[in-house]
PDB file of N, CA and C in Angstrom:
ATOM      1  N   MET A   1     -28.150  -1.545 -12.381  1.00  0.00           N
ATOM      2  CA  MET A   1     -27.909  -0.964 -11.077  1.00  0.00           C
ATOM      3  C   MET A   1     -26.431  -0.940 -10.775  1.00  0.00           C
ATOM      4  N   GLY A   2     -25.688  -1.905 -11.258  1.00  0.00           N
ATOM      5  CA  GLY A   2     -24.260  -1.974 -11.004  1.00  0.00           C
ATOM      6  C   GLY A   2     -23.511  -0.799 -11.611  1.00  0.00           C
ATOM      7  N   THR A   3     -23.892  -0.424 -12.838  1.00  0.00           N
ATOM      8  CA  THR A   3     -23.235   0.684 -13.515  1.00  0.00           C
ATOM      9  C   THR A   3     -23.504   1.997 -12.795  1.00  0.00           C
ATOM     10  N   ALA A   4     -24.745   2.214 -12.384  1.00  0.00           N
ATOM     11  CA  ALA A   4     -25.090   3.441 -11.667  1.00  0.00           C
ATOM     12  C   ALA A   4     -24.344   3.518 -10.338  1.00  0.00           C
ATOM     13  N   HIS A   5     -24.209   2.398  -9.670  1.00  0.00           N
ATOM     14  CA  HIS A   5     -23.498   2.376  -8.388  1.00  0.00           C
ATOM     15  C   HIS A   5     -22.020   2.714  -8.590  1.00  0.00           C
ATOM     16  N   ARG A   6     -21.403   2.143  -9.651  1.00  0.00           N
ATOM     17  CA  ARG A   6     -19.994   2.433  -9.934  1.00  0.00           C
ATOM     18  C   ARG A   6     -19.795   3.895 -10.300  1.00  0.00           C
ATOM     19  N   LEU A   7     -20.730   4.446 -11.094  1.00  0.00           N
ATOM     20  CA  LEU A   7     -20.647   5.847 -11.472  1.00  0.00           C
ATOM     21  C   LEU A   7     -20.778   6.737 -10.247  1.00  0.00           C
ATOM     22  N   ASP A   8     -21.737   6.431  -9.376  1.00  0.00           N
ATOM     23  CA  ASP A   8     -21.932   7.201  -8.160  1.00  0.00           C
ATOM     24  C   ASP A   8     -20.678   7.159  -7.284  1.00  0.00           C
ATOM     25  N   LYS A   9     -20.089   5.978  -7.165  1.00  0.00           N
ATOM     26  CA  LYS A   9     -18.887   5.826  -6.358  1.00  0.00           C
ATOM     27  C   LYS A   9     -17.729   6.628  -6.957  1.00  0.00           C
ATOM     28  N   ARG A  10     -17.610   6.594  -8.277  1.00  0.00           N
ATOM     29  CA  ARG A  10     -16.538   7.339  -8.957  1.00  0.00           C
ATOM     30  C   ARG A  10     -16.718   8.839  -8.779  1.00  0.00           C
ATOM     31  N   LEU A  11     -17.943   9.339  -8.927  1.00  0.00           N
ATOM     32  CA  LEU A  11     -18.196  10.766  -8.744  1.00  0.00           C
ATOM     33  C   LEU A  11     -17.890  11.211  -7.322  1.00  0.00           C
ATOM     34  N   LYS A  12     -18.273  10.387  -6.341  1.00  0.00           N
ATOM     35  CA  LYS A  12     -17.958  10.728  -4.950  1.00  0.00           C
ATOM     36  C   LYS A  12     -16.454  10.794  -4.733  1.00  0.00           C
ATOM     37  N   THR A  13     -15.717   9.889  -5.355  1.00  0.00           N
ATOM     38  CA  THR A  13     -14.260   9.891  -5.231  1.00  0.00           C
ATOM     39  C   THR A  13     -13.668  11.141  -5.852  1.00  0.00           C
ATOM     40  N   ILE A  14     -14.149  11.503  -7.019  1.00  0.00           N
ATOM     41  CA  ILE A  14     -13.626  12.679  -7.709  1.00  0.00           C
ATOM     42  C   ILE A  14     -13.906  13.941  -6.891  1.00  0.00           C
ATOM     43  N   PHE A  15     -15.139  14.114  -6.455  1.00  0.00           N
ATOM     44  CA  PHE A  15     -15.495  15.340  -5.765  1.00  0.00           C
ATOM     45  C   PHE A  15     -14.972  15.395  -4.339  1.00  0.00           C
ATOM     46  N   SER A  16     -14.677  14.263  -3.739  1.00  0.00           N
ATOM     47  CA  SER A  16     -14.127  14.298  -2.391  1.00  0.00           C
ATOM     48  C   SER A  16     -12.669  14.742  -2.414  1.00  0.00           C
ATOM     49  N   ARG A  17     -11.976  14.561  -3.534  1.00  0.00           N
ATOM     50  CA  ARG A  17     -10.584  14.984  -3.644  1.00  0.00           C
ATOM     51  C   ARG A  17     -10.455  16.398  -4.185  1.00  0.00           C
ATOM     52  N   GLN A  18     -11.504  16.992  -4.634  1.00  0.00           N
ATOM     53  CA  GLN A  18     -11.441  18.302  -5.249  1.00  0.00           C
ATOM     54  C   GLN A  18     -10.991  19.345  -4.239  1.00  0.00           C
ATOM     55  N   GLY A  19      -9.967  20.074  -4.578  1.00  0.00           N
ATOM     56  CA  GLY A  19      -9.503  21.164  -3.746  1.00  0.00           C
ATOM     57  C   GLY A  19      -8.636  20.766  -2.575  1.00  0.00           C
ATOM     58  N   THR A  20      -8.185  19.538  -2.509  1.00  0.00           N
ATOM     59  CA  THR A  20      -7.401  19.133  -1.343  1.00  0.00           C
ATOM     60  C   THR A  20      -6.041  19.793  -1.309  1.00  0.00           C
ATOM     61  N   LYS A  21      -5.456  20.097  -2.441  1.00  0.00           N
ATOM     62  CA  LYS A  21      -4.147  20.733  -2.440  1.00  0.00           C
ATOM     63  C   LYS A  21      -4.220  22.133  -1.848  1.00  0.00           C
ATOM     64  N   MET A  22      -5.241  22.882  -2.194  1.00  0.00           N
ATOM     65  CA  MET A  22      -5.365  24.235  -1.660  1.00  0.00           C
ATOM     66  C   MET A  22      -5.716  24.197  -0.177  1.00  0.00           C
ATOM     67  N   ALA A  23      -6.524  23.257   0.219  1.00  0.00           N
ATOM     68  CA  ALA A  23      -6.919  23.170   1.615  1.00  0.00           C
ATOM     69  C   ALA A  23      -5.747  22.765   2.495  1.00  0.00           C
ATOM     70  N   ALA A  24      -4.785  22.040   1.947  1.00  0.00           N
ATOM     71  CA  ALA A  24      -3.638  21.599   2.727  1.00  0.00           C
ATOM     72  C   ALA A  24      -2.587  22.692   2.870  1.00  0.00           C
ATOM     73  N   ASP A  25      -2.706  23.783   2.123  1.00  0.00           N
ATOM     74  CA  ASP A  25      -1.737  24.873   2.186  1.00  0.00           C
ATOM     75  C   ASP A  25      -2.025  25.729   3.409  1.00  0.00           C
ATOM     76  N   LYS A  26      -1.300  25.492   4.478  1.00  0.00           N
ATOM     77  CA  LYS A  26      -1.538  26.203   5.739  1.00  0.00           C
ATOM     78  C   LYS A  26      -0.578  27.375   5.935  1.00  0.00           C
ATOM     79  N   ALA A  27       0.407  27.519   5.065  1.00  0.00           N
ATOM     80  CA  ALA A  27       1.414  28.566   5.240  1.00  0.00           C
ATOM     81  C   ALA A  27       0.802  29.936   4.964  1.00  0.00           C
ATOM     82  N   PRO A  28       1.016  30.891   5.862  1.00  0.00           N
ATOM     83  CA  PRO A  28       0.513  32.252   5.611  1.00  0.00           C
ATOM     84  C   PRO A  28       1.371  32.933   4.549  1.00  0.00           C
ATOM     85  N   HIS A  29       0.756  33.710   3.725  1.00  0.00           N
ATOM     86  CA  HIS A  29       1.476  34.428   2.680  1.00  0.00           C
ATOM     87  C   HIS A  29       1.703  35.850   3.159  1.00  0.00           C
ATOM     88  N   THR A  30       2.921  36.289   3.055  1.00  0.00           N
ATOM     89  CA  THR A  30       3.248  37.648   3.485  1.00  0.00           C
ATOM     90  C   THR A  30       3.472  38.516   2.268  1.00  0.00           C
ATOM     91  N   ALA A  31       3.484  39.819   2.492  1.00  0.00           N
ATOM     92  CA  ALA A  31       3.654  40.756   1.397  1.00  0.00           C
ATOM     93  C   ALA A  31       5.041  40.638   0.770  1.00  0.00           C
ATOM     94  N   THR A  32       6.020  40.212   1.525  1.00  0.00           N
ATOM     95  CA  THR A  32       7.368  40.088   0.973  1.00  0.00           C
ATOM     96  C   THR A  32       7.473  38.945  -0.024  1.00  0.00           C
ATOM     97  N   GLU A  33       6.585  37.975   0.049  1.00  0.00           N
ATOM     98  CA  GLU A  33       6.609  36.845  -0.871  1.00  0.00           C
ATOM     99  C   GLU A  33       5.959  37.169  -2.210  1.00  0.00           C
ATOM    100  N   MET A  34       5.190  38.231  -2.267  1.00  0.00           N
ATOM    101  CA  MET A  34       4.467  38.550  -3.490  1.00  0.00           C
ATOM    102  C   MET A  34       5.415  39.107  -4.543  1.00  0.00           C
ATOM    103  N   ASP A  35       5.102  38.841  -5.789  1.00  0.00           N
ATOM    104  CA  ASP A  35       5.906  39.307  -6.912  1.00  0.00           C
ATOM    105  C   ASP A  35       5.265  40.591  -7.443  1.00  0.00           C
ATOM    106  N   TYR A  36       5.655  41.723  -6.854  1.00  0.00           N
ATOM    107  CA  TYR A  36       5.024  42.993  -7.213  1.00  0.00           C
ATOM    108  C   TYR A  36       5.246  43.414  -8.663  1.00  0.00           C
ATOM    109  N   PRO A  37       6.441  43.257  -9.232  1.00  0.00           N
ATOM    110  CA  PRO A  37       6.597  43.642 -10.642  1.00  0.00           C
ATOM    111  C   PRO A  37       5.656  42.854 -11.573  1.00  0.00           C
ATOM    112  N   ALA A  38       5.500  41.568 -11.325  1.00  0.00           N
ATOM    113  CA  ALA A  38       4.587  40.768 -12.146  1.00  0.00           C
ATOM    114  C   ALA A  38       3.143  41.204 -11.915  1.00  0.00           C
ATOM    115  N   HIS A  39       2.816  41.507 -10.673  1.00  0.00           N
ATOM    116  CA  HIS A  39       1.459  41.965 -10.354  1.00  0.00           C
ATOM    117  C   HIS A  39       1.159  43.269 -11.080  1.00  0.00           C
ATOM    118  N   GLU A  40       2.080  44.220 -10.993  1.00  0.00           N
ATOM    119  CA  GLU A  40       1.865  45.519 -11.640  1.00  0.00           C
ATOM    120  C   GLU A  40       1.809  45.379 -13.158  1.00  0.00           C
ATOM    121  N   ARG A  41       2.621  44.487 -13.733  1.00  0.00           N
ATOM    122  CA  ARG A  41       2.610  44.262 -15.180  1.00  0.00           C
ATOM    123  C   ARG A  41       1.263  43.665 -15.608  1.00  0.00           C
ATOM    124  N   ASN A  42       0.762  42.706 -14.855  1.00  0.00           N
ATOM    125  CA  ASN A  42      -0.532  42.100 -15.181  1.00  0.00           C
ATOM    126  C   ASN A  42      -1.661  43.101 -15.039  1.00  0.00           C
ATOM    127  N   TYR A  43      -1.613  43.910 -13.981  1.00  0.00           N
ATOM    128  CA  TYR A  43      -2.657  44.910 -13.753  1.00  0.00           C
ATOM    129  C   TYR A  43      -2.635  45.953 -14.868  1.00  0.00           C
ATOM    130  N   SER A  44      -1.435  46.399 -15.270  1.00  0.00           N
ATOM    131  CA  SER A  44      -1.330  47.380 -16.352  1.00  0.00           C
ATOM    132  C   SER A  44      -1.892  46.812 -17.652  1.00  0.00           C
ATOM    133  N   GLY A  45      -1.586  45.552 -17.918  1.00  0.00           N
ATOM    134  CA  GLY A  45      -2.121  44.921 -19.118  1.00  0.00           C
ATOM    135  C   GLY A  45      -3.638  44.823 -19.086  1.00  0.00           C
ATOM    136  N   PHE A  46      -4.184  44.502 -17.918  1.00  0.00           N
ATOM    137  CA  PHE A  46      -5.633  44.412 -17.767  1.00  0.00           C
ATOM    138  C   PHE A  46      -6.288  45.769 -17.999  1.00  0.00           C
ATOM    139  N   ILE A  47      -5.724  46.820 -17.409  1.00  0.00           N
ATOM    140  CA  ILE A  47      -6.291  48.167 -17.566  1.00  0.00           C
ATOM    141  C   ILE A  47      -6.192  48.614 -19.021  1.00  0.00           C
ATOM    142  N   ARG A  48      -5.073  48.327 -19.679  1.00  0.00           N
ATOM    143  CA  ARG A  48      -4.909  48.681 -21.090  1.00  0.00           C
ATOM    144  C   ARG A  48      -5.953  47.961 -21.941  1.00  0.00           C
ATOM    145  N   LEU A  49      -6.136  46.676 -21.694  1.00  0.00           N
ATOM    146  CA  LEU A  49      -7.141  45.904 -22.429  1.00  0.00           C
ATOM    147  C   LEU A  49      -8.541  46.447 -22.176  1.00  0.00           C
ATOM    148  N   LEU A  50      -8.820  46.830 -20.941  1.00  0.00           N
ATOM    149  CA  LEU A  50     -10.127  47.391 -20.598  1.00  0.00           C
ATOM    150  C   LEU A  50     -10.380  48.691 -21.364  1.00  0.00           C
ATOM    151  N   LYS A  51      -9.379  49.571 -21.407  1.00  0.00           N
ATOM    152  CA  LYS A  51      -9.530  50.845 -22.129  1.00  0.00           C
ATOM    153  C   LYS A  51      -9.761  50.614 -23.620  1.00  0.00           C
ATOM    154  N   VAL A  52      -8.965  49.737 -24.215  1.00  0.00           N
ATOM    155  CA  VAL A  52      -9.116  49.453 -25.645  1.00  0.00           C
ATOM    156  C   VAL A  52     -10.482  48.827 -25.916  1.00  0.00           C
ATOM    157  N   SER A  53     -10.910  47.921 -25.059  1.00  0.00           N
ATOM    158  CA  SER A  53     -12.210  47.267 -25.237  1.00  0.00           C
ATOM    159  C   SER A  53     -13.349  48.275 -25.166  1.00  0.00           C
ATOM    160  N   ILE A  54     -13.265  49.225 -24.245  1.00  0.00           N
ATOM    161  CA  ILE A  54     -14.316  50.234 -24.120  1.00  0.00           C
ATOM    162  C   ILE A  54     -14.398  51.073 -25.391  1.00  0.00           C
ATOM    163  N   VAL A  55     -13.233  51.458 -25.927  1.00  0.00           N
ATOM    164  CA  VAL A  55     -13.223  52.250 -27.162  1.00  0.00           C
ATOM    165  C   VAL A  55     -13.798  51.433 -28.325  1.00  0.00           C
ATOM    166  N   VAL A  56     -13.400  50.186 -28.453  1.00  0.00           N
ATOM    167  CA  VAL A  56     -13.895  49.342 -29.541  1.00  0.00           C
ATOM    168  C   VAL A  56     -15.402  49.134 -29.417  1.00  0.00           C
ATOM    169  N   ILE A  57     -15.885  48.894 -28.225  1.00  0.00           N
ATOM    170  CA  ILE A  57     -17.330  48.724 -28.015  1.00  0.00           C
ATOM    171  C   ILE A  57     -18.067  50.010 -28.352  1.00  0.00           C
ATOM    172  N   GLY A  58     -17.496  51.155 -27.987  1.00  0.00           N
ATOM    173  CA  GLY A  58     -18.110  52.439 -28.330  1.00  0.00           C
ATOM    174  C   GLY A  58     -18.194  52.649 -29.829  1.00  0.00           C
ATOM    175  N   VAL A  59     -17.123  52.309 -30.541  1.00  0.00           N
ATOM    176  CA  VAL A  59     -17.121  52.455 -32.006  1.00  0.00           C
ATOM    177  C   VAL A  59     -18.148  51.518 -32.635  1.00  0.00           C
ATOM    178  N   ILE A  60     -18.186  50.291 -32.191  1.00  0.00           N
ATOM    179  CA  ILE A  60     -19.166  49.335 -32.723  1.00  0.00           C
ATOM    180  C   ILE A  60     -20.584  49.809 -32.439  1.00  0.00           C
ATOM    181  N   THR A  61     -20.818  50.320 -31.247  1.00  0.00           N
ATOM    182  CA  THR A  61     -22.148  50.836 -30.892  1.00  0.00           C
ATOM    183  C   THR A  61     -22.531  52.002 -31.787  1.00  0.00           C
ATOM    184  N   ALA A  62     -21.596  52.912 -32.035  1.00  0.00           N
ATOM    185  CA  ALA A  62     -21.875  54.057 -32.907  1.00  0.00           C
ATOM    186  C   ALA A  62     -22.197  53.598 -34.321  1.00  0.00           C
ATOM    187  N   ILE A  63     -21.460  52.629 -34.823  1.00  0.00           N
ATOM    188  CA  ILE A  63     -21.713  52.113 -36.176  1.00  0.00           C
ATOM    189  C   ILE A  63     -23.095  51.468 -36.251  1.00  0.00           C
ATOM    190  N   VAL A  64     -23.445  50.678 -35.244  1.00  0.00           N
ATOM    191  CA  VAL A  64     -24.758  50.017 -35.228  1.00  0.00           C
ATOM    192  C   VAL A  64     -25.864  51.069 -35.160  1.00  0.00           C
ATOM    193  N   LEU A  65     -25.682  52.086 -34.348  1.00  0.00           N
ATOM    194  CA  LEU A  65     -26.696  53.140 -34.248  1.00  0.00           C
ATOM    195  C   LEU A  65     -26.850  53.892 -35.565  1.00  0.00           C
ATOM    196  N   LEU A  66     -25.737  54.147 -36.260  1.00  0.00           N
ATOM    197  CA  LEU A  66     -25.824  54.817 -37.557  1.00  0.00           C
ATOM    198  C   LEU A  66     -26.534  53.938 -38.588  1.00  0.00           C
ATOM    199  N   ILE A  67     -26.269  52.642 -38.551  1.00  0.00           N
ATOM    200  CA  ILE A  67     -26.937  51.731 -39.484  1.00  0.00           C
ATOM    201  C   ILE A  67     -28.428  51.677 -39.196  1.00  0.00           C
ATOM    202  N   ILE A  68     -28.803  51.624 -37.938  1.00  0.00           N
ATOM    203  CA  ILE A  68     -30.215  51.559 -37.573  1.00  0.00           C
ATOM    204  C   ILE A  68     -30.943  52.866 -37.917  1.00  0.00           C
ATOM    205  N   ALA A  69     -30.256  53.995 -37.734  1.00  0.00           N
ATOM    206  CA  ALA A  69     -30.882  55.300 -37.983  1.00  0.00           C
ATOM    207  C   ALA A  69     -31.154  55.533 -39.458  1.00  0.00           C
ATOM    208  N   ASN A  70     -30.365  54.937 -40.324  1.00  0.00           N
ATOM    209  CA  ASN A  70     -30.549  55.167 -41.770  1.00  0.00           C
ATOM    210  C   ASN A  70     -31.449  54.192 -42.375  1.00  0.00           C
TER     211      ASN A  70
END
């Protein structure tokens, strides 16, 4: 019973502290604080990856369909 009690106490301690740093951030974020060049670079990379992934998935699907058809 002692071990279970210690484990329960430890878990409560861990989960009670979870997210306290974000919750303590009360400062409002304005548009002037945002890093737009980094945002646009990340978004462009995401869109590029999405396009390439769609093409690769299409090619793989076509190959699988050709293998199944034969």
